[in-house]
Amino acid sequence: MASGPHRPGFYLGVLVAGFVAGGALTSLLRQTLPDSAARTFFTTTWDAQFGPISADLLVISFTLGPIGLHVSLLSLIAVVLAYLIARSLF
C-alpha cells in the first residue's frame, strides 16, 4: 500500500466524486423508497449557504452567490467510500 501525501487535487477530486455520487443516491432513494423512517433518515439534508460575495476590482466588478451546500448522510458515506476506493487504486 502506498503511503505519503497526495496532492490537493486528489482530495478535491475525491470530495467532488463523493458528493456527486451521494447526491445522486439521495435523489434516487427519495423517488423509490416509500414514506418511512428509513427514507427520512437517509434523505434528510443539512443546508449551508453563504453569499452573495461582491468584488470591485476597479476594472471589473462581479458578484458571486449565494453559494449553498446540501449535505446528507448518504453524501458523507459516499465521500468516505470514494476516498477508500481512490486510496486503494492509487
N, C-alpha and C. Protein backbone atom coordinates (compact mmCIF):
# COMPACT_ATOMS: atom_id res chain seq x y z
N MET A 1 0.85 -1.17 0.00
CA MET A 1 0.00 0.00 0.00
C MET A 1 0.89 1.23 0.00
N ALA A 2 0.58 2.16 -0.86
CA ALA A 2 1.38 3.37 -0.97
C ALA A 2 1.09 4.30 0.20
N SER A 3 2.13 4.97 0.65
CA SER A 3 1.93 5.94 1.72
C SER A 3 2.53 7.26 1.28
N GLY A 4 2.19 8.31 1.98
CA GLY A 4 2.71 9.62 1.64
C GLY A 4 1.58 10.56 1.27
N PRO A 5 1.87 11.85 1.26
CA PRO A 5 0.82 12.83 0.98
C PRO A 5 0.46 12.85 -0.51
N HIS A 6 -0.79 13.06 -0.77
CA HIS A 6 -1.28 13.25 -2.14
C HIS A 6 -1.41 14.74 -2.40
N ARG A 7 -1.51 15.08 -3.64
CA ARG A 7 -1.71 16.48 -4.00
C ARG A 7 -3.12 16.93 -3.64
N PRO A 8 -3.33 18.23 -3.47
CA PRO A 8 -4.67 18.73 -3.13
C PRO A 8 -5.72 18.38 -4.19
N GLY A 9 -5.31 18.26 -5.44
CA GLY A 9 -6.26 17.89 -6.48
C GLY A 9 -6.86 16.51 -6.26
N PHE A 10 -6.08 15.61 -5.68
CA PHE A 10 -6.57 14.26 -5.36
C PHE A 10 -7.72 14.35 -4.36
N TYR A 11 -7.53 15.12 -3.30
CA TYR A 11 -8.57 15.24 -2.28
C TYR A 11 -9.79 16.00 -2.80
N LEU A 12 -9.57 17.00 -3.63
CA LEU A 12 -10.69 17.72 -4.23
C LEU A 12 -11.49 16.81 -5.14
N GLY A 13 -10.80 16.00 -5.92
CA GLY A 13 -11.49 15.05 -6.80
C GLY A 13 -12.29 14.02 -6.02
N VAL A 14 -11.73 13.54 -4.91
CA VAL A 14 -12.44 12.58 -4.07
C VAL A 14 -13.68 13.22 -3.46
N LEU A 15 -13.57 14.46 -2.98
CA LEU A 15 -14.73 15.15 -2.42
C LEU A 15 -15.82 15.36 -3.46
N VAL A 16 -15.43 15.81 -4.64
CA VAL A 16 -16.41 16.05 -5.70
C VAL A 16 -17.09 14.75 -6.10
N ALA A 17 -16.31 13.70 -6.31
CA ALA A 17 -16.88 12.41 -6.70
C ALA A 17 -17.82 11.87 -5.62
N GLY A 18 -17.42 11.99 -4.37
CA GLY A 18 -18.26 11.52 -3.28
C GLY A 18 -19.55 12.28 -3.14
N PHE A 19 -19.48 13.62 -3.23
CA PHE A 19 -20.70 14.41 -3.10
C PHE A 19 -21.63 14.22 -4.29
N VAL A 20 -21.10 14.07 -5.48
CA VAL A 20 -21.95 13.83 -6.65
C VAL A 20 -22.62 12.46 -6.54
N ALA A 21 -21.86 11.44 -6.18
CA ALA A 21 -22.44 10.10 -6.03
C ALA A 21 -23.46 10.06 -4.90
N GLY A 22 -23.15 10.70 -3.78
CA GLY A 22 -24.08 10.74 -2.66
C GLY A 22 -25.34 11.51 -2.98
N GLY A 23 -25.20 12.61 -3.71
CA GLY A 23 -26.39 13.38 -4.11
C GLY A 23 -27.27 12.60 -5.06
N ALA A 24 -26.65 11.88 -5.99
CA ALA A 24 -27.43 11.06 -6.93
C ALA A 24 -28.14 9.94 -6.19
N LEU A 25 -27.46 9.31 -5.24
CA LEU A 25 -28.08 8.23 -4.46
C LEU A 25 -29.21 8.76 -3.59
N THR A 26 -29.02 9.92 -2.99
CA THR A 26 -30.08 10.54 -2.19
C THR A 26 -31.31 10.83 -3.04
N SER A 27 -31.10 11.38 -4.22
CA SER A 27 -32.21 11.68 -5.12
C SER A 27 -32.92 10.41 -5.56
N LEU A 28 -32.16 9.37 -5.86
CA LEU A 28 -32.75 8.10 -6.26
C LEU A 28 -33.59 7.50 -5.14
N LEU A 29 -33.08 7.53 -3.92
CA LEU A 29 -33.84 6.96 -2.79
C LEU A 29 -35.08 7.78 -2.47
N ARG A 30 -35.03 9.09 -2.68
CA ARG A 30 -36.23 9.92 -2.45
C ARG A 30 -37.35 9.51 -3.39
N GLN A 31 -36.99 9.11 -4.61
CA GLN A 31 -38.01 8.74 -5.59
C GLN A 31 -38.50 7.31 -5.43
N THR A 32 -37.64 6.41 -4.94
CA THR A 32 -38.01 5.00 -4.95
C THR A 32 -38.50 4.47 -3.60
N LEU A 33 -38.01 4.99 -2.49
CA LEU A 33 -38.44 4.48 -1.20
C LEU A 33 -39.81 5.01 -0.82
N PRO A 34 -40.64 4.17 -0.21
CA PRO A 34 -41.93 4.67 0.29
C PRO A 34 -41.69 5.53 1.54
N ASP A 35 -42.71 6.31 1.90
CA ASP A 35 -42.60 7.14 3.10
C ASP A 35 -42.39 6.24 4.31
N SER A 36 -41.24 6.40 4.95
CA SER A 36 -40.92 5.60 6.12
C SER A 36 -39.83 6.32 6.91
N ALA A 37 -39.50 5.77 8.06
CA ALA A 37 -38.44 6.34 8.89
C ALA A 37 -37.09 6.21 8.20
N ALA A 38 -36.87 5.12 7.48
CA ALA A 38 -35.60 4.92 6.77
C ALA A 38 -35.40 5.97 5.69
N ARG A 39 -36.47 6.26 4.94
CA ARG A 39 -36.37 7.28 3.90
C ARG A 39 -36.05 8.64 4.50
N THR A 40 -36.73 8.98 5.58
CA THR A 40 -36.49 10.25 6.24
C THR A 40 -35.06 10.33 6.78
N PHE A 41 -34.57 9.25 7.37
CA PHE A 41 -33.23 9.23 7.94
C PHE A 41 -32.15 9.38 6.88
N PHE A 42 -32.26 8.64 5.79
CA PHE A 42 -31.21 8.66 4.78
C PHE A 42 -31.28 9.84 3.82
N THR A 43 -32.43 10.45 3.65
CA THR A 43 -32.55 11.52 2.65
C THR A 43 -32.68 12.91 3.24
N THR A 44 -32.58 13.06 4.56
CA THR A 44 -32.60 14.38 5.18
C THR A 44 -31.30 15.09 4.86
N THR A 45 -31.39 16.35 4.42
CA THR A 45 -30.20 17.11 4.09
C THR A 45 -30.03 18.28 5.04
N TRP A 46 -28.79 18.66 5.24
CA TRP A 46 -28.44 19.84 6.01
C TRP A 46 -27.92 20.86 5.01
N ASP A 47 -28.47 22.05 5.08
CA ASP A 47 -28.13 23.08 4.11
C ASP A 47 -27.26 24.16 4.74
N ALA A 48 -26.17 24.48 4.07
CA ALA A 48 -25.32 25.59 4.46
C ALA A 48 -25.26 26.54 3.27
N GLN A 49 -25.43 27.82 3.55
CA GLN A 49 -25.47 28.79 2.46
C GLN A 49 -24.82 30.09 2.91
N PHE A 50 -24.01 30.67 2.02
CA PHE A 50 -23.45 31.98 2.29
C PHE A 50 -23.38 32.77 1.00
N GLY A 51 -23.30 34.06 1.15
CA GLY A 51 -23.21 34.92 -0.02
C GLY A 51 -24.35 35.89 -0.03
N PRO A 52 -24.48 36.72 -0.99
CA PRO A 52 -23.59 36.89 -2.13
C PRO A 52 -22.30 37.62 -1.74
N ILE A 53 -21.24 37.34 -2.48
CA ILE A 53 -19.94 37.96 -2.27
C ILE A 53 -19.68 38.88 -3.46
N SER A 54 -19.41 40.13 -3.18
CA SER A 54 -19.16 41.11 -4.24
C SER A 54 -17.69 41.51 -4.22
N ALA A 55 -17.15 41.72 -5.42
CA ALA A 55 -15.77 42.20 -5.55
C ALA A 55 -15.74 43.31 -6.59
N ASP A 56 -15.14 44.43 -6.23
CA ASP A 56 -14.98 45.55 -7.15
C ASP A 56 -13.48 45.76 -7.34
N LEU A 57 -12.98 45.41 -8.52
CA LEU A 57 -11.55 45.47 -8.81
C LEU A 57 -11.18 46.66 -9.70
N LEU A 58 -11.98 47.70 -9.66
CA LEU A 58 -11.81 48.94 -10.44
C LEU A 58 -12.02 48.73 -11.93
N VAL A 59 -11.46 47.71 -12.50
CA VAL A 59 -11.64 47.44 -13.92
C VAL A 59 -12.87 46.57 -14.15
N ILE A 60 -13.10 45.66 -13.25
CA ILE A 60 -14.23 44.74 -13.36
C ILE A 60 -14.81 44.53 -11.96
N SER A 61 -16.11 44.38 -11.91
CA SER A 61 -16.75 44.04 -10.64
C SER A 61 -17.70 42.88 -10.89
N PHE A 62 -17.80 42.02 -9.90
CA PHE A 62 -18.68 40.87 -10.04
C PHE A 62 -19.24 40.48 -8.69
N THR A 63 -20.32 39.71 -8.75
CA THR A 63 -20.97 39.19 -7.56
C THR A 63 -21.12 37.69 -7.72
N LEU A 64 -20.72 36.98 -6.71
CA LEU A 64 -20.79 35.52 -6.70
C LEU A 64 -21.71 35.09 -5.58
N GLY A 65 -22.70 34.29 -5.92
CA GLY A 65 -23.50 33.74 -4.84
C GLY A 65 -24.98 33.98 -5.02
N PRO A 66 -25.74 33.55 -4.12
CA PRO A 66 -25.33 32.79 -2.93
C PRO A 66 -24.88 31.37 -3.28
N ILE A 67 -23.97 30.87 -2.50
CA ILE A 67 -23.42 29.54 -2.69
C ILE A 67 -23.96 28.64 -1.59
N GLY A 68 -24.48 27.48 -1.96
CA GLY A 68 -25.06 26.58 -0.97
C GLY A 68 -24.48 25.18 -1.07
N LEU A 69 -24.51 24.49 0.02
CA LEU A 69 -24.05 23.10 0.08
C LEU A 69 -25.13 22.29 0.78
N HIS A 70 -25.57 21.22 0.13
CA HIS A 70 -26.59 20.34 0.70
C HIS A 70 -25.92 19.02 1.03
N VAL A 71 -25.82 18.71 2.31
CA VAL A 71 -25.11 17.51 2.77
C VAL A 71 -26.12 16.56 3.39
N SER A 72 -26.06 15.30 2.98
CA SER A 72 -26.89 14.26 3.57
C SER A 72 -25.99 13.15 4.10
N LEU A 73 -26.58 12.25 4.83
CA LEU A 73 -25.83 11.11 5.36
C LEU A 73 -25.25 10.27 4.22
N LEU A 74 -26.02 10.08 3.17
CA LEU A 74 -25.53 9.30 2.03
C LEU A 74 -24.37 10.00 1.33
N SER A 75 -24.36 11.33 1.31
CA SER A 75 -23.24 12.06 0.72
C SER A 75 -21.96 11.83 1.53
N LEU A 76 -22.08 11.86 2.85
CA LEU A 76 -20.90 11.63 3.69
C LEU A 76 -20.39 10.20 3.54
N ILE A 77 -21.30 9.24 3.46
CA ILE A 77 -20.89 7.85 3.26
C ILE A 77 -20.22 7.69 1.90
N ALA A 78 -20.75 8.35 0.88
CA ALA A 78 -20.16 8.26 -0.46
C ALA A 78 -18.78 8.90 -0.51
N VAL A 79 -18.55 9.98 0.24
CA VAL A 79 -17.23 10.60 0.29
C VAL A 79 -16.22 9.64 0.92
N VAL A 80 -16.61 8.99 2.01
CA VAL A 80 -15.72 8.02 2.66
C VAL A 80 -15.42 6.85 1.73
N LEU A 81 -16.44 6.33 1.06
CA LEU A 81 -16.22 5.22 0.12
C LEU A 81 -15.35 5.65 -1.06
N ALA A 82 -15.56 6.86 -1.58
CA ALA A 82 -14.74 7.35 -2.69
C ALA A 82 -13.29 7.48 -2.25
N TYR A 83 -13.06 7.93 -1.03
CA TYR A 83 -11.68 8.05 -0.52
C TYR A 83 -11.04 6.67 -0.39
N LEU A 84 -11.77 5.72 0.17
CA LEU A 84 -11.21 4.38 0.34
C LEU A 84 -10.90 3.71 -0.99
N ILE A 85 -11.78 3.89 -1.97
CA ILE A 85 -11.56 3.32 -3.29
C ILE A 85 -10.37 3.99 -3.97
N ALA A 86 -10.32 5.33 -3.91
CA ALA A 86 -9.22 6.06 -4.55
C ALA A 86 -7.88 5.74 -3.88
N ARG A 87 -7.89 5.57 -2.57
CA ARG A 87 -6.65 5.25 -1.86
C ARG A 87 -6.15 3.86 -2.23
N SER A 88 -7.06 2.93 -2.44
CA SER A 88 -6.64 1.57 -2.80
C SER A 88 -6.17 1.50 -4.25
N LEU A 89 -6.69 2.37 -5.12
CA LEU A 89 -6.28 2.36 -6.51
C LEU A 89 -4.98 3.10 -6.76
N PHE A 90 -4.73 4.17 -6.02
CA PHE A 90 -3.56 5.00 -6.27
C PHE A 90 -2.61 4.83 -5.15
